[in-house]
Amino acid sequence: MSAPVIPLDPQARATKPRRRYRGLVIVLLAVLVSAVFWLFWFSSVFVVRDVRVIGVTGSPAAKVLTSAAVPLGVPMAQLDADGSTSRIMLLPWVDSVEVRRGWPSEVILAVVPRIAIAIQLGTGRGVDSSGVAFDAPEPLAKNLPAIDADGVGLVAAVTVWQSLPAPLLAKVVGVSASTRDDVELNLKSGAKVRWGSAEQGELKAQVLAALLQRRAGVYDVSAPELPTTQQEKAG
């Protein structure tokens, strides 16, 4: 007597093609990912062919290119952007930089340079708006004011300088400070202004404007509620 034939479960028959289909999809995806990885990391399709600097031109731009040391021909995906950024930031006149990938083959070095608003007396270095002294890549403008200060004194002097109203600023040729509390202004007339700290700048400017109606060698507005003058001159 023969054994009875057990019919196959229709659901089991349908499961096998689905499993084969899923397996095929997985294989195809793996091949696609590998191809993309190879395309971006090892092929010659997406490699660095050009490096461009924006934010500065001329000699400064050339210095940035040299410092970045971006090798041509390297795959864009393998670009050492952090290394280039670190090298560029060693340039003392660079405030910030961003190394960008300009697909498919360009690297862009976006530089923000420090802008000199004054010259540090005794060194000839530029001083930017945050009170940082730096060696400029090109000759500084000749009409910049001179600041005789360093460290915290330099920061205080720059802060005061930037807070001065235009009419007063036009009378100032230099600033000095050794601490944050002893800023002095040198006027075109040869007189000095003891400004003190950067606090109460607006009030000090108003008081000084009134004091300048009197001819003196020294104007002291460090305590604006009790201003004084010294070496007053007749007439």
C-alpha atoms as a PDB file:
ATOM      1  CA  MET A   1       0.000   0.000   0.000  1.00  0.00           C
ATOM      2  CA  SER A   2       1.513   3.337  -1.085  1.00  0.00           C
ATOM      3  CA  ALA A   3       1.900   6.299   1.288  1.00  0.00           C
ATOM      4  CA  PRO A   4      -0.609   9.084   0.864  1.00  0.00           C
ATOM      5  CA  VAL A   5       0.568  12.197  -1.082  1.00  0.00           C
ATOM      6  CA  ILE A   6       0.604  15.299   1.114  1.00  0.00           C
ATOM      7  CA  PRO A   7      -0.157  18.414  -0.961  1.00  0.00           C
ATOM      8  CA  LEU A   8       2.283  21.399  -0.561  1.00  0.00           C
ATOM      9  CA  ASP A   9       1.064  24.406   1.335  1.00  0.00           C
ATOM     10  CA  PRO A  10       0.327  27.194  -1.243  1.00  0.00           C
ATOM     11  CA  GLN A  11       1.722  29.782   1.200  1.00  0.00           C
ATOM     12  CA  ALA A  12       4.995  27.857   1.465  1.00  0.00           C
ATOM     13  CA  ARG A  13       5.266  27.755  -2.355  1.00  0.00           C
ATOM     14  CA  ALA A  14       4.794  31.559  -2.522  1.00  0.00           C
ATOM     15  CA  THR A  15       7.355  32.230   0.232  1.00  0.00           C
ATOM     16  CA  LYS A  16      10.322  30.806  -1.713  1.00  0.00           C
ATOM     17  CA  PRO A  17      10.128  33.294  -4.657  1.00  0.00           C
ATOM     18  CA  ARG A  18       9.750  36.175  -2.207  1.00  0.00           C
ATOM     19  CA  ARG A  19      12.857  35.043  -0.323  1.00  0.00           C
ATOM     20  CA  ARG A  20      14.795  34.776  -3.595  1.00  0.00           C
ATOM     21  CA  TYR A  21      13.591  38.276  -4.581  1.00  0.00           C
ATOM     22  CA  ARG A  22      14.651  39.769  -1.241  1.00  0.00           C
ATOM     23  CA  GLY A  23      18.022  38.100  -1.537  1.00  0.00           C
ATOM     24  CA  LEU A  24      18.480  39.483  -5.038  1.00  0.00           C
ATOM     25  CA  VAL A  25      17.536  43.002  -3.856  1.00  0.00           C
ATOM     26  CA  ILE A  26      20.030  42.790  -0.993  1.00  0.00           C
ATOM     27  CA  VAL A  27      22.777  41.715  -3.376  1.00  0.00           C
ATOM     28  CA  LEU A  28      21.955  44.513  -5.821  1.00  0.00           C
ATOM     29  CA  LEU A  29      21.927  47.102  -3.028  1.00  0.00           C
ATOM     30  CA  ALA A  30      25.294  45.860  -1.776  1.00  0.00           C
ATOM     31  CA  VAL A  31      26.704  46.136  -5.295  1.00  0.00           C
ATOM     32  CA  LEU A  32      25.237  49.647  -5.685  1.00  0.00           C
ATOM     33  CA  VAL A  33      26.660  50.846  -2.367  1.00  0.00           C
ATOM     34  CA  SER A  34      30.056  49.406  -3.240  1.00  0.00           C
ATOM     35  CA  ALA A  35      29.967  51.087  -6.641  1.00  0.00           C
ATOM     36  CA  VAL A  36      29.054  54.453  -5.147  1.00  0.00           C
ATOM     37  CA  PHE A  37      31.739  54.090  -2.483  1.00  0.00           C
ATOM     38  CA  TRP A  38      34.329  53.257  -5.127  1.00  0.00           C
ATOM     39  CA  LEU A  39      33.116  56.109  -7.363  1.00  0.00           C
ATOM     40  CA  PHE A  40      33.540  58.765  -4.679  1.00  0.00           C
ATOM     41  CA  TRP A  41      36.563  57.400  -2.771  1.00  0.00           C
ATOM     42  CA  PHE A  42      38.796  55.761  -5.350  1.00  0.00           C
ATOM     43  CA  SER A  43      37.804  56.647  -8.921  1.00  0.00           C
ATOM     44  CA  SER A  44      39.135  59.595 -10.927  1.00  0.00           C
ATOM     45  CA  VAL A  45      35.641  60.959 -11.573  1.00  0.00           C
ATOM     46  CA  PHE A  46      35.370  63.130  -8.438  1.00  0.00           C
ATOM     47  CA  VAL A  47      38.922  64.323  -7.749  1.00  0.00           C
ATOM     48  CA  VAL A  48      40.274  67.763  -6.844  1.00  0.00           C
ATOM     49  CA  ARG A  49      41.097  69.620 -10.046  1.00  0.00           C
ATOM     50  CA  ASP A  50      40.921  73.217  -8.878  1.00  0.00           C
ATOM     51  CA  VAL A  51      41.391  75.126  -5.603  1.00  0.00           C
ATOM     52  CA  ARG A  52      39.899  78.613  -5.327  1.00  0.00           C
ATOM     53  CA  VAL A  53      40.211  81.287  -2.623  1.00  0.00           C
ATOM     54  CA  ILE A  54      37.437  83.743  -1.838  1.00  0.00           C
ATOM     55  CA  GLY A  55      37.502  86.583   0.677  1.00  0.00           C
ATOM     56  CA  VAL A  56      41.008  87.771  -0.217  1.00  0.00           C
ATOM     57  CA  THR A  57      42.900  88.344  -3.448  1.00  0.00           C
ATOM     58  CA  GLY A  58      46.447  88.872  -4.686  1.00  0.00           C
ATOM     59  CA  SER A  59      49.334  88.025  -2.377  1.00  0.00           C
ATOM     60  CA  PRO A  60      47.118  87.076   0.608  1.00  0.00           C
ATOM     61  CA  ALA A  61      45.207  84.605  -1.575  1.00  0.00           C
ATOM     62  CA  ALA A  62      48.483  83.061  -2.719  1.00  0.00           C
ATOM     63  CA  LYS A  63      49.565  82.661   0.913  1.00  0.00           C
ATOM     64  CA  VAL A  64      46.274  80.922   1.708  1.00  0.00           C
ATOM     65  CA  LEU A  65      46.701  78.511  -1.198  1.00  0.00           C
ATOM     66  CA  THR A  66      50.223  77.666  -0.112  1.00  0.00           C
ATOM     67  CA  SER A  67      49.203  77.149   3.520  1.00  0.00           C
ATOM     68  CA  ALA A  68      46.167  75.018   2.628  1.00  0.00           C
ATOM     69  CA  ALA A  69      48.380  72.582   0.683  1.00  0.00           C
ATOM     70  CA  VAL A  70      45.399  70.911  -0.985  1.00  0.00           C
ATOM     71  CA  PRO A  71      46.794  68.196  -3.304  1.00  0.00           C
ATOM     72  CA  LEU A  72      45.340  68.035  -6.804  1.00  0.00           C
ATOM     73  CA  GLY A  73      44.106  64.652  -7.954  1.00  0.00           C
ATOM     74  CA  VAL A  74      43.018  63.431  -4.537  1.00  0.00           C
ATOM     75  CA  PRO A  75      39.410  62.156  -4.412  1.00  0.00           C
ATOM     76  CA  MET A  76      37.074  64.844  -3.092  1.00  0.00           C
ATOM     77  CA  ALA A  77      35.750  62.473  -0.432  1.00  0.00           C
ATOM     78  CA  GLN A  78      39.285  62.005   0.916  1.00  0.00           C
ATOM     79  CA  LEU A  79      39.996  65.737   1.181  1.00  0.00           C
ATOM     80  CA  ASP A  80      41.574  66.573   4.556  1.00  0.00           C
ATOM     81  CA  ALA A  81      39.490  69.706   5.154  1.00  0.00           C
ATOM     82  CA  ASP A  82      40.392  69.879   8.858  1.00  0.00           C
ATOM     83  CA  GLY A  83      44.101  69.744   8.079  1.00  0.00           C
ATOM     84  CA  SER A  84      43.828  72.549   5.528  1.00  0.00           C
ATOM     85  CA  THR A  85      41.770  74.618   7.965  1.00  0.00           C
ATOM     86  CA  SER A  86      44.369  74.212  10.716  1.00  0.00           C
ATOM     87  CA  ARG A  87      47.212  75.214   8.416  1.00  0.00           C
ATOM     88  CA  ILE A  88      45.413  78.295   7.114  1.00  0.00           C
ATOM     89  CA  MET A  89      44.545  79.409  10.648  1.00  0.00           C
ATOM     90  CA  LEU A  90      48.279  79.584  11.380  1.00  0.00           C
ATOM     91  CA  LEU A  91      48.323  82.729   9.238  1.00  0.00           C
ATOM     92  CA  PRO A  92      48.053  85.484  11.896  1.00  0.00           C
ATOM     93  CA  TRP A  93      45.866  87.747   9.761  1.00  0.00           C
ATOM     94  CA  VAL A  94      43.177  85.123   9.144  1.00  0.00           C
ATOM     95  CA  ASP A  95      40.164  85.487  11.421  1.00  0.00           C
ATOM     96  CA  SER A  96      38.313  82.400  10.183  1.00  0.00           C
ATOM     97  CA  VAL A  97      38.195  80.039   7.214  1.00  0.00           C
ATOM     98  CA  GLU A  98      35.847  77.421   5.822  1.00  0.00           C
ATOM     99  CA  VAL A  99      37.078  74.704   3.469  1.00  0.00           C
ATOM    100  CA  ARG A 100      34.218  73.753   1.154  1.00  0.00           C
ATOM    101  CA  ARG A 101      33.813  70.970  -1.385  1.00  0.00           C
ATOM    102  CA  GLY A 102      32.481  72.350  -4.655  1.00  0.00           C
ATOM    103  CA  TRP A 103      31.404  69.155  -6.338  1.00  0.00           C
ATOM    104  CA  PRO A 104      32.391  67.611  -8.615  1.00  0.00           C
ATOM    105  CA  SER A 105      36.028  68.780  -8.576  1.00  0.00           C
ATOM    106  CA  GLU A 106      36.578  72.179  -6.914  1.00  0.00           C
ATOM    107  CA  VAL A 107      37.751  73.066  -3.401  1.00  0.00           C
ATOM    108  CA  ILE A 108      36.818  76.519  -2.144  1.00  0.00           C
ATOM    109  CA  LEU A 109      38.765  78.227   0.643  1.00  0.00           C
ATOM    110  CA  ALA A 110      36.445  80.889   2.100  1.00  0.00           C
ATOM    111  CA  VAL A 111      38.604  83.234   4.172  1.00  0.00           C
ATOM    112  CA  VAL A 112      37.575  86.022   6.541  1.00  0.00           C
ATOM    113  CA  PRO A 113      40.651  88.207   7.103  1.00  0.00           C
ATOM    114  CA  ARG A 114      41.304  90.401  10.101  1.00  0.00           C
ATOM    115  CA  ILE A 115      40.717  94.055   9.230  1.00  0.00           C
ATOM    116  CA  ALA A 116      43.111  96.525  10.815  1.00  0.00           C
ATOM    117  CA  ILE A 117      41.381  99.496  12.435  1.00  0.00           C
ATOM    118  CA  ALA A 118      44.587 100.701  14.108  1.00  0.00           C
ATOM    119  CA  ILE A 119      48.338 100.134  14.330  1.00  0.00           C
ATOM    120  CA  GLN A 120      49.989  98.825  17.474  1.00  0.00           C
ATOM    121  CA  LEU A 121      52.594 101.395  18.428  1.00  0.00           C
ATOM    122  CA  GLY A 122      56.128 100.043  18.569  1.00  0.00           C
ATOM    123  CA  THR A 123      55.410  96.897  16.567  1.00  0.00           C
ATOM    124  CA  GLY A 124      53.756  98.164  13.401  1.00  0.00           C
ATOM    125  CA  ARG A 125      51.244  95.320  13.653  1.00  0.00           C
ATOM    126  CA  GLY A 126      47.608  95.753  12.734  1.00  0.00           C
ATOM    127  CA  VAL A 127      44.902  95.706  15.397  1.00  0.00           C
ATOM    128  CA  ASP A 128      41.443  94.395  14.571  1.00  0.00           C
ATOM    129  CA  SER A 129      38.071  95.285  16.075  1.00  0.00           C
ATOM    130  CA  SER A 130      38.344  92.574  18.740  1.00  0.00           C
ATOM    131  CA  GLY A 131      41.662  93.889  20.028  1.00  0.00           C
ATOM    132  CA  VAL A 132      43.884  91.275  18.397  1.00  0.00           C
ATOM    133  CA  ALA A 133      47.269  92.452  17.124  1.00  0.00           C
ATOM    134  CA  PHE A 134      48.465  90.666  13.991  1.00  0.00           C
ATOM    135  CA  ASP A 135      51.093  90.767  11.282  1.00  0.00           C
ATOM    136  CA  ALA A 136      49.315  91.981   8.158  1.00  0.00           C
ATOM    137  CA  PRO A 137      50.015  90.322   4.789  1.00  0.00           C
ATOM    138  CA  GLU A 138      50.268  93.711   3.061  1.00  0.00           C
ATOM    139  CA  PRO A 139      51.252  97.271   4.097  1.00  0.00           C
ATOM    140  CA  LEU A 140      48.665  98.886   6.365  1.00  0.00           C
ATOM    141  CA  ALA A 141      46.868 102.118   5.530  1.00  0.00           C
ATOM    142  CA  LYS A 142      48.864 105.167   6.576  1.00  0.00           C
ATOM    143  CA  ASN A 143      45.958 107.012   8.195  1.00  0.00           C
ATOM    144  CA  LEU A 144      45.246 104.415  10.892  1.00  0.00           C
ATOM    145  CA  PRO A 145      45.401 105.612  14.515  1.00  0.00           C
ATOM    146  CA  ALA A 146      48.202 104.342  16.749  1.00  0.00           C
ATOM    147  CA  ILE A 147      47.376 102.319  19.846  1.00  0.00           C
ATOM    148  CA  ASP A 148      50.017 102.038  22.557  1.00  0.00           C
ATOM    149  CA  ALA A 149      48.758  99.002  24.455  1.00  0.00           C
ATOM    150  CA  ASP A 150      48.968  95.250  24.796  1.00  0.00           C
ATOM    151  CA  GLY A 151      46.896  92.428  26.286  1.00  0.00           C
ATOM    152  CA  VAL A 152      43.824  93.559  28.221  1.00  0.00           C
ATOM    153  CA  GLY A 153      44.890  97.160  27.746  1.00  0.00           C
ATOM    154  CA  LEU A 154      44.759  96.696  23.987  1.00  0.00           C
ATOM    155  CA  VAL A 155      41.256  95.240  24.145  1.00  0.00           C
ATOM    156  CA  ALA A 156      40.099  98.136  26.347  1.00  0.00           C
ATOM    157  CA  ALA A 157      41.695 100.720  24.053  1.00  0.00           C
ATOM    158  CA  VAL A 158      40.023  99.245  20.980  1.00  0.00           C
ATOM    159  CA  THR A 159      36.666  99.065  22.770  1.00  0.00           C
ATOM    160  CA  VAL A 160      36.884 102.744  23.696  1.00  0.00           C
ATOM    161  CA  TRP A 161      38.082 103.739  20.237  1.00  0.00           C
ATOM    162  CA  GLN A 162      35.105 102.060  18.567  1.00  0.00           C
ATOM    163  CA  SER A 163      32.639 103.656  20.971  1.00  0.00           C
ATOM    164  CA  LEU A 164      33.711 107.251  20.264  1.00  0.00           C
ATOM    165  CA  PRO A 165      31.193 109.409  18.385  1.00  0.00           C
ATOM    166  CA  ALA A 166      32.328 110.652  14.980  1.00  0.00           C
ATOM    167  CA  PRO A 167      32.979 114.306  15.994  1.00  0.00           C
ATOM    168  CA  LEU A 168      35.272 113.200  18.826  1.00  0.00           C
ATOM    169  CA  LEU A 169      36.864 110.441  16.782  1.00  0.00           C
ATOM    170  CA  ALA A 170      37.962 113.031  14.236  1.00  0.00           C
ATOM    171  CA  LYS A 171      40.017 114.752  16.962  1.00  0.00           C
ATOM    172  CA  VAL A 172      41.837 111.611  18.151  1.00  0.00           C
ATOM    173  CA  VAL A 173      45.149 110.473  16.680  1.00  0.00           C
ATOM    174  CA  GLY A 174      46.061 107.749  19.161  1.00  0.00           C
ATOM    175  CA  VAL A 175      45.036 105.697  22.168  1.00  0.00           C
ATOM    176  CA  SER A 176      47.062 104.179  25.002  1.00  0.00           C
ATOM    177  CA  ALA A 177      46.338 101.854  27.921  1.00  0.00           C
ATOM    178  CA  SER A 178      48.190  99.517  30.248  1.00  0.00           C
ATOM    179  CA  THR A 179      45.094  98.066  31.945  1.00  0.00           C
ATOM    180  CA  ARG A 180      41.375  98.006  31.212  1.00  0.00           C
ATOM    181  CA  ASP A 181      40.852 101.020  33.485  1.00  0.00           C
ATOM    182  CA  ASP A 182      43.408 103.596  32.310  1.00  0.00           C
ATOM    183  CA  VAL A 183      42.658 104.292  28.659  1.00  0.00           C
ATOM    184  CA  GLU A 184      43.971 107.648  27.401  1.00  0.00           C
ATOM    185  CA  LEU A 185      43.209 109.472  24.163  1.00  0.00           C
ATOM    186  CA  ASN A 186      45.779 111.571  22.329  1.00  0.00           C
ATOM    187  CA  LEU A 187      44.190 114.520  20.555  1.00  0.00           C
ATOM    188  CA  LYS A 188      45.403 116.272  17.409  1.00  0.00           C
ATOM    189  CA  SER A 189      45.831 119.429  19.489  1.00  0.00           C
ATOM    190  CA  GLY A 190      48.464 117.657  21.584  1.00  0.00           C
ATOM    191  CA  ALA A 191      46.219 117.390  24.633  1.00  0.00           C
ATOM    192  CA  LYS A 192      45.452 114.140  26.438  1.00  0.00           C
ATOM    193  CA  VAL A 193      42.149 112.749  27.634  1.00  0.00           C
ATOM    194  CA  ARG A 194      42.098 110.435  30.643  1.00  0.00           C
ATOM    195  CA  TRP A 195      39.183 108.245  29.677  1.00  0.00           C
ATOM    196  CA  GLY A 196      39.519 105.440  32.220  1.00  0.00           C
ATOM    197  CA  SER A 197      37.545 102.262  31.512  1.00  0.00           C
ATOM    198  CA  ALA A 198      35.197 101.627  28.599  1.00  0.00           C
ATOM    199  CA  GLU A 199      32.173 102.023  30.884  1.00  0.00           C
ATOM    200  CA  GLN A 200      29.856 105.065  30.618  1.00  0.00           C
ATOM    201  CA  GLY A 201      31.310 105.857  27.211  1.00  0.00           C
ATOM    202  CA  GLU A 202      28.338 107.894  26.013  1.00  0.00           C
ATOM    203  CA  LEU A 203      28.308 110.064  29.133  1.00  0.00           C
ATOM    204  CA  LYS A 204      32.079 110.569  28.986  1.00  0.00           C
ATOM    205  CA  ALA A 205      31.829 111.703  25.363  1.00  0.00           C
ATOM    206  CA  GLN A 206      29.146 114.244  26.260  1.00  0.00           C
ATOM    207  CA  VAL A 207      31.145 115.579  29.199  1.00  0.00           C
ATOM    208  CA  LEU A 208      34.328 115.777  27.139  1.00  0.00           C
ATOM    209  CA  ALA A 209      32.553 117.700  24.376  1.00  0.00           C
ATOM    210  CA  ALA A 210      31.704 120.353  26.969  1.00  0.00           C
ATOM    211  CA  LEU A 211      35.216 120.363  28.467  1.00  0.00           C
ATOM    212  CA  LEU A 212      36.837 120.843  25.073  1.00  0.00           C
ATOM    213  CA  GLN A 213      35.387 124.337  24.994  1.00  0.00           C
ATOM    214  CA  ARG A 214      38.188 125.137  27.425  1.00  0.00           C
ATOM    215  CA  ARG A 215      41.828 124.989  26.346  1.00  0.00           C
ATOM    216  CA  ALA A 216      43.773 122.539  28.498  1.00  0.00           C
ATOM    217  CA  GLY A 217      46.606 120.063  28.325  1.00  0.00           C
ATOM    218  CA  VAL A 218      44.751 117.291  30.103  1.00  0.00           C
ATOM    219  CA  TYR A 219      41.033 116.459  30.235  1.00  0.00           C
ATOM    220  CA  ASP A 220      39.986 113.875  32.800  1.00  0.00           C
ATOM    221  CA  VAL A 221      36.595 112.225  32.284  1.00  0.00           C
ATOM    222  CA  SER A 222      37.463 108.906  33.943  1.00  0.00           C
ATOM    223  CA  ALA A 223      34.859 109.842  36.571  1.00  0.00           C
ATOM    224  CA  PRO A 224      32.376 111.685  34.327  1.00  0.00           C
ATOM    225  CA  GLU A 225      30.328 112.939  37.265  1.00  0.00           C
ATOM    226  CA  LEU A 226      33.426 114.823  38.511  1.00  0.00           C
ATOM    227  CA  PRO A 227      35.422 115.821  35.402  1.00  0.00           C
ATOM    228  CA  THR A 228      38.563 117.894  35.710  1.00  0.00           C
ATOM    229  CA  THR A 229      41.078 119.696  33.528  1.00  0.00           C
ATOM    230  CA  GLN A 230      44.770 120.345  34.009  1.00  0.00           C
ATOM    231  CA  GLN A 231      47.284 122.700  32.441  1.00  0.00           C
ATOM    232  CA  GLU A 232      44.594 125.120  31.371  1.00  0.00           C
ATOM    233  CA  LYS A 233      45.669 127.814  28.945  1.00  0.00           C
ATOM    234  CA  ALA A 234      44.469 131.372  28.775  1.00  0.00           C
ATOM    235  CA  GLY A 235      42.410 132.487  25.807  1.00  0.00           C
END
